[in-house]
Protein backbone atom coordinates (compact mmCIF):
# COMPACT_ATOMS: atom_id res chain seq x y z
CA MET A 1 -20.63 -6.36 13.44
CA ARG A 2 -18.33 -9.27 12.59
CA LEU A 3 -16.95 -7.43 9.59
CA ARG A 4 -16.15 -4.37 11.68
CA PHE A 5 -14.40 -6.52 14.29
CA ALA A 6 -12.44 -8.35 11.59
CA LEU A 7 -11.35 -5.07 10.01
CA LEU A 8 -10.28 -3.56 13.33
CA THR A 9 -8.37 -6.72 14.23
CA GLY A 10 -6.67 -6.72 10.83
CA PHE A 11 -5.62 -3.09 11.14
CA ALA A 12 -4.33 -3.72 14.67
CA VAL A 13 -2.22 -6.65 13.49
CA LEU A 14 -0.83 -4.65 10.59
CA GLY A 15 -0.10 -1.69 12.87
CA LEU A 16 1.82 -3.84 15.31
CA ALA A 17 4.03 -5.41 12.64
CA ARG A 18 7.71 -4.70 13.20
CA GLY A 19 8.47 -4.03 9.54
CA ALA A 20 5.77 -1.38 9.28
CA TYR A 21 7.88 1.12 11.21
CA ALA A 22 11.04 0.60 9.15
CA GLN A 23 9.66 2.05 5.94
CA GLY A 24 11.36 5.41 6.30
CA CYS A 25 14.73 4.34 7.62
CA VAL A 26 17.66 6.63 7.02
CA LEU A 27 19.97 3.80 5.96
CA CYS A 28 17.73 2.90 3.02
CA TYR A 29 17.54 6.53 1.93
CA THR A 30 21.32 7.01 2.24
CA THR A 31 22.05 3.86 0.25
CA ALA A 32 19.60 4.79 -2.50
CA SER A 33 20.89 8.36 -2.77
CA ALA A 34 24.51 7.17 -3.00
CA THR A 35 23.83 5.15 -6.16
CA SER A 36 24.29 6.40 -9.70
CA ALA A 37 21.58 8.22 -11.65
CA ALA A 38 20.78 5.08 -13.65
CA ALA A 39 20.32 3.04 -10.48
CA GLN A 40 18.09 5.73 -8.97
CA ARG A 41 15.97 5.71 -12.11
CA SER A 42 15.74 1.92 -11.91
CA LEU A 43 14.60 2.15 -8.29
CA ASN A 44 11.96 4.70 -9.22
CA LEU A 45 10.69 2.52 -12.06
CA GLY A 46 10.63 -0.51 -9.75
CA ILE A 47 8.58 1.40 -7.20
CA LEU A 48 6.18 2.47 -9.93
CA ALA A 49 5.94 -1.10 -11.24
CA LEU A 50 4.97 -2.29 -7.75
CA LEU A 51 2.57 0.59 -7.16
CA ILE A 52 0.45 0.25 -10.29
CA PRO A 53 -0.98 -3.27 -9.65
CA ALA A 54 -1.63 -2.56 -5.97
CA LEU A 55 -3.30 0.74 -6.72
CA SER A 56 -5.45 -0.71 -9.50
CA MET A 57 -6.61 -3.56 -7.21
CA PHE A 58 -7.43 -1.08 -4.46
CA LEU A 59 -9.39 1.15 -6.81
CA GLY A 60 -11.20 -1.85 -8.29
CA VAL A 61 -12.34 -3.02 -4.86
CA MET A 62 -13.41 0.49 -3.91
CA PHE A 63 -15.40 0.77 -7.14
CA LEU A 64 -17.13 -2.56 -6.50
CA LEU A 65 -17.98 -1.56 -2.94
CA TYR A 66 -19.32 1.78 -4.12
CA ARG A 67 -21.43 0.13 -6.81
CA ARG A 68 -22.77 -2.40 -4.32
CA ALA A 69 -23.65 0.32 -1.81
CA ALA A 70 -25.34 2.40 -4.52
CA SER A 71 -27.45 -0.55 -5.67
CA ALA A 72 -28.44 -1.40 -2.08
CA ALA A 73 -29.57 2.18 -1.47
CA VAL A 74 -32.00 2.12 -4.42
């Protein structure tokens, strides 16, 4: 019960964050599209470089949770 409450509280705090709603702003898109092809490629590689560690940590935690749930069910 505590874990569920903590998760719901965490999601509520993250959902109410001001910066969470600015992720798709038109100004950022316009600025990025106005750059040269090399700069656009650099932005894409930077996004990929930031995505890979976060995604691998997420998948690692999900794998551990799945393995723990599978062992508890046996």
